[in-house]
Amino acid sequence: MDFEIIGRIREIEVIAVGNRILDVARLRKRYGRGRWRKLKGIATVRLIDGTIHTAEIHWYEAHGVGQFEYKIIPPLID
């Protein structure tokens, strides 16, 4: 991750669940079985250069497995 999430992620929405996720086979192989979901939300982030921005974040999570592979979706909001 080339950024750090500062504070809470807000306005969380589910984008896809289970087999609707294109990478679900890879996620299951790498992290284990579970009810995988792809989510998005808004968060304040600190980039690697030290600047702070508000950005849309996407990630995967599964109950009992955890949250993985956070990504910033450009452009930054602020």
N, C-alpha and C. Protein backbone atom coordinates (compact mmCIF):
# COMPACT_ATOMS: atom_id res chain seq x y z
N MET A 1 0.84 -1.17 0.00
CA MET A 1 0.00 0.00 0.00
C MET A 1 0.89 1.24 0.00
N ASP A 2 0.65 2.14 -0.90
CA ASP A 2 1.42 3.38 -0.99
C ASP A 2 0.73 4.52 -0.27
N PHE A 3 -0.14 4.19 0.67
CA PHE A 3 -0.85 5.21 1.43
C PHE A 3 -1.27 4.62 2.77
N GLU A 4 -1.64 5.52 3.69
CA GLU A 4 -2.10 5.12 5.02
C GLU A 4 -3.49 5.70 5.22
N ILE A 5 -4.42 4.90 5.65
CA ILE A 5 -5.77 5.38 5.93
C ILE A 5 -5.76 6.04 7.31
N ILE A 6 -6.22 7.28 7.35
CA ILE A 6 -6.26 8.04 8.60
C ILE A 6 -7.72 8.13 9.03
N GLY A 7 -8.03 7.63 10.19
CA GLY A 7 -9.41 7.70 10.69
C GLY A 7 -10.27 6.59 10.12
N ARG A 8 -11.58 6.86 10.10
CA ARG A 8 -12.56 5.85 9.69
C ARG A 8 -12.92 5.99 8.21
N ILE A 9 -13.32 4.87 7.62
CA ILE A 9 -13.86 4.88 6.26
C ILE A 9 -15.36 5.12 6.38
N ARG A 10 -15.89 6.05 5.61
CA ARG A 10 -17.31 6.39 5.69
C ARG A 10 -17.98 6.15 4.34
N GLU A 11 -19.30 6.22 4.34
CA GLU A 11 -20.11 6.01 3.12
C GLU A 11 -19.77 4.68 2.45
N ILE A 12 -19.68 3.63 3.24
CA ILE A 12 -19.30 2.31 2.73
C ILE A 12 -20.45 1.69 1.94
N GLU A 13 -20.14 1.16 0.77
CA GLU A 13 -21.12 0.49 -0.10
C GLU A 13 -20.53 -0.81 -0.61
N VAL A 14 -21.38 -1.82 -0.75
CA VAL A 14 -20.97 -3.09 -1.35
C VAL A 14 -21.04 -2.94 -2.86
N ILE A 15 -19.98 -3.31 -3.55
CA ILE A 15 -19.94 -3.24 -5.01
C ILE A 15 -20.31 -4.60 -5.61
N ALA A 16 -19.75 -5.68 -5.05
CA ALA A 16 -19.99 -7.02 -5.59
C ALA A 16 -19.83 -8.05 -4.47
N VAL A 17 -20.50 -9.20 -4.65
CA VAL A 17 -20.46 -10.27 -3.66
C VAL A 17 -20.23 -11.61 -4.37
N GLY A 18 -19.41 -12.48 -3.77
CA GLY A 18 -19.22 -13.84 -4.27
C GLY A 18 -18.71 -13.91 -5.69
N ASN A 19 -19.37 -14.70 -6.51
CA ASN A 19 -18.92 -14.94 -7.89
C ASN A 19 -19.05 -13.72 -8.79
N ARG A 20 -19.67 -12.65 -8.32
CA ARG A 20 -19.72 -11.39 -9.09
C ARG A 20 -18.39 -10.66 -9.05
N ILE A 21 -17.50 -11.06 -8.15
CA ILE A 21 -16.16 -10.48 -8.07
C ILE A 21 -15.28 -11.22 -9.07
N LEU A 22 -14.64 -10.47 -9.97
CA LEU A 22 -13.82 -11.09 -11.01
C LEU A 22 -12.65 -11.86 -10.42
N ASP A 23 -12.08 -11.39 -9.31
CA ASP A 23 -10.89 -12.01 -8.72
C ASP A 23 -11.21 -12.98 -7.59
N VAL A 24 -12.43 -13.47 -7.49
CA VAL A 24 -12.81 -14.28 -6.33
C VAL A 24 -11.99 -15.58 -6.23
N ALA A 25 -11.66 -16.19 -7.34
CA ALA A 25 -10.85 -17.42 -7.29
C ALA A 25 -9.46 -17.13 -6.74
N ARG A 26 -8.86 -16.03 -7.16
CA ARG A 26 -7.55 -15.63 -6.66
C ARG A 26 -7.61 -15.30 -5.17
N LEU A 27 -8.65 -14.59 -4.74
CA LEU A 27 -8.80 -14.25 -3.32
C LEU A 27 -8.93 -15.50 -2.46
N ARG A 28 -9.74 -16.45 -2.91
CA ARG A 28 -9.92 -17.70 -2.15
C ARG A 28 -8.62 -18.49 -2.07
N LYS A 29 -7.88 -18.52 -3.16
CA LYS A 29 -6.62 -19.27 -3.18
C LYS A 29 -5.58 -18.61 -2.26
N ARG A 30 -5.52 -17.29 -2.28
CA ARG A 30 -4.50 -16.57 -1.52
C ARG A 30 -4.84 -16.41 -0.04
N TYR A 31 -6.11 -16.07 0.27
CA TYR A 31 -6.49 -15.73 1.64
C TYR A 31 -7.41 -16.75 2.30
N GLY A 32 -8.04 -17.62 1.53
CA GLY A 32 -8.92 -18.63 2.10
C GLY A 32 -10.37 -18.44 1.70
N ARG A 33 -11.16 -19.45 2.02
CA ARG A 33 -12.58 -19.43 1.68
C ARG A 33 -13.32 -18.47 2.59
N GLY A 34 -14.42 -17.99 2.10
CA GLY A 34 -15.26 -17.07 2.86
C GLY A 34 -16.26 -16.42 1.94
N ARG A 35 -17.15 -15.63 2.48
CA ARG A 35 -18.12 -14.88 1.69
C ARG A 35 -17.47 -13.56 1.30
N TRP A 36 -16.78 -13.57 0.18
CA TRP A 36 -16.02 -12.42 -0.27
C TRP A 36 -16.93 -11.31 -0.78
N ARG A 37 -16.59 -10.08 -0.42
CA ARG A 37 -17.30 -8.90 -0.89
C ARG A 37 -16.29 -7.85 -1.31
N LYS A 38 -16.64 -7.10 -2.35
CA LYS A 38 -15.83 -5.95 -2.76
C LYS A 38 -16.59 -4.72 -2.30
N LEU A 39 -15.91 -3.82 -1.58
CA LEU A 39 -16.55 -2.65 -1.02
C LEU A 39 -15.84 -1.37 -1.45
N LYS A 40 -16.55 -0.25 -1.30
CA LYS A 40 -15.93 1.05 -1.53
C LYS A 40 -16.40 2.01 -0.45
N GLY A 41 -15.60 3.04 -0.21
CA GLY A 41 -15.93 4.05 0.78
C GLY A 41 -15.02 5.26 0.60
N ILE A 42 -15.28 6.28 1.40
CA ILE A 42 -14.51 7.52 1.37
C ILE A 42 -13.66 7.57 2.64
N ALA A 43 -12.38 7.94 2.50
CA ALA A 43 -11.49 8.02 3.66
C ALA A 43 -10.46 9.13 3.46
N THR A 44 -9.94 9.61 4.57
CA THR A 44 -8.81 10.52 4.53
C THR A 44 -7.55 9.66 4.52
N VAL A 45 -6.65 9.96 3.58
CA VAL A 45 -5.45 9.15 3.42
C VAL A 45 -4.20 10.03 3.43
N ARG A 46 -3.09 9.45 3.90
CA ARG A 46 -1.79 10.10 3.82
C ARG A 46 -1.00 9.35 2.76
N LEU A 47 -0.61 10.07 1.71
CA LEU A 47 0.16 9.46 0.64
C LEU A 47 1.62 9.30 1.05
N ILE A 48 2.37 8.57 0.26
CA ILE A 48 3.77 8.28 0.57
C ILE A 48 4.62 9.55 0.65
N ASP A 49 4.21 10.61 -0.06
CA ASP A 49 4.95 11.88 -0.02
C ASP A 49 4.56 12.75 1.18
N GLY A 50 3.63 12.26 2.02
CA GLY A 50 3.24 12.97 3.24
C GLY A 50 2.02 13.86 3.10
N THR A 51 1.51 14.05 1.89
CA THR A 51 0.32 14.88 1.72
C THR A 51 -0.93 14.12 2.16
N ILE A 52 -1.93 14.88 2.63
CA ILE A 52 -3.17 14.28 3.11
C ILE A 52 -4.30 14.67 2.17
N HIS A 53 -5.11 13.67 1.78
CA HIS A 53 -6.20 13.88 0.83
C HIS A 53 -7.42 13.07 1.26
N THR A 54 -8.56 13.42 0.71
CA THR A 54 -9.76 12.60 0.83
C THR A 54 -9.85 11.81 -0.48
N ALA A 55 -10.09 10.51 -0.37
CA ALA A 55 -10.07 9.66 -1.56
C ALA A 55 -11.12 8.56 -1.46
N GLU A 56 -11.53 8.05 -2.63
CA GLU A 56 -12.38 6.86 -2.67
C GLU A 56 -11.47 5.65 -2.58
N ILE A 57 -11.82 4.72 -1.68
CA ILE A 57 -11.03 3.53 -1.43
C ILE A 57 -11.86 2.30 -1.81
N HIS A 58 -11.24 1.32 -2.47
CA HIS A 58 -11.88 0.03 -2.74
C HIS A 58 -11.07 -1.04 -2.03
N TRP A 59 -11.74 -2.10 -1.54
CA TRP A 59 -11.05 -3.22 -0.89
C TRP A 59 -11.94 -4.45 -0.92
N TYR A 60 -11.33 -5.59 -0.58
CA TYR A 60 -12.03 -6.87 -0.48
C TYR A 60 -12.08 -7.27 0.99
N GLU A 61 -13.17 -7.94 1.39
CA GLU A 61 -13.23 -8.50 2.73
C GLU A 61 -14.10 -9.74 2.74
N ALA A 62 -13.82 -10.59 3.72
CA ALA A 62 -14.61 -11.80 3.93
C ALA A 62 -14.76 -12.00 5.43
N HIS A 63 -15.95 -12.38 5.86
CA HIS A 63 -16.21 -12.63 7.27
C HIS A 63 -15.31 -13.75 7.77
N GLY A 64 -14.64 -13.51 8.86
CA GLY A 64 -13.75 -14.51 9.44
C GLY A 64 -12.38 -14.56 8.80
N VAL A 65 -12.18 -13.83 7.70
CA VAL A 65 -10.89 -13.82 7.02
C VAL A 65 -10.21 -12.47 7.20
N GLY A 66 -10.94 -11.37 6.95
CA GLY A 66 -10.40 -10.03 7.13
C GLY A 66 -10.56 -9.15 5.90
N GLN A 67 -9.89 -8.00 5.95
CA GLN A 67 -9.93 -7.02 4.86
C GLN A 67 -8.57 -7.01 4.17
N PHE A 68 -8.58 -6.95 2.82
CA PHE A 68 -7.34 -7.03 2.07
C PHE A 68 -7.38 -6.14 0.84
N GLU A 69 -6.19 -5.79 0.37
CA GLU A 69 -5.96 -5.15 -0.93
C GLU A 69 -6.69 -3.82 -1.08
N TYR A 70 -6.37 -2.88 -0.23
CA TYR A 70 -6.93 -1.53 -0.35
C TYR A 70 -6.34 -0.84 -1.56
N LYS A 71 -7.18 -0.08 -2.30
CA LYS A 71 -6.73 0.67 -3.46
C LYS A 71 -7.37 2.05 -3.44
N ILE A 72 -6.62 3.07 -3.84
CA ILE A 72 -7.17 4.40 -4.06
C ILE A 72 -7.67 4.46 -5.49
N ILE A 73 -8.88 4.98 -5.67
CA ILE A 73 -9.43 5.13 -7.00
C ILE A 73 -9.26 6.59 -7.41
N PRO A 74 -8.41 6.87 -8.40
CA PRO A 74 -8.17 8.27 -8.80
C PRO A 74 -9.38 8.84 -9.54
N PRO A 75 -9.56 10.12 -9.60
CA PRO A 75 -8.74 11.15 -8.97
C PRO A 75 -9.08 11.32 -7.49
N LEU A 76 -8.18 11.94 -6.74
CA LEU A 76 -8.44 12.24 -5.34
C LEU A 76 -9.60 13.23 -5.26
N ILE A 77 -10.41 13.14 -4.24
CA ILE A 77 -11.64 13.93 -4.14
C ILE A 77 -11.37 15.39 -3.84
N ASP A 78 -10.40 15.69 -2.96
CA ASP A 78 -10.22 17.08 -2.59
C ASP A 78 -9.34 17.79 -3.54
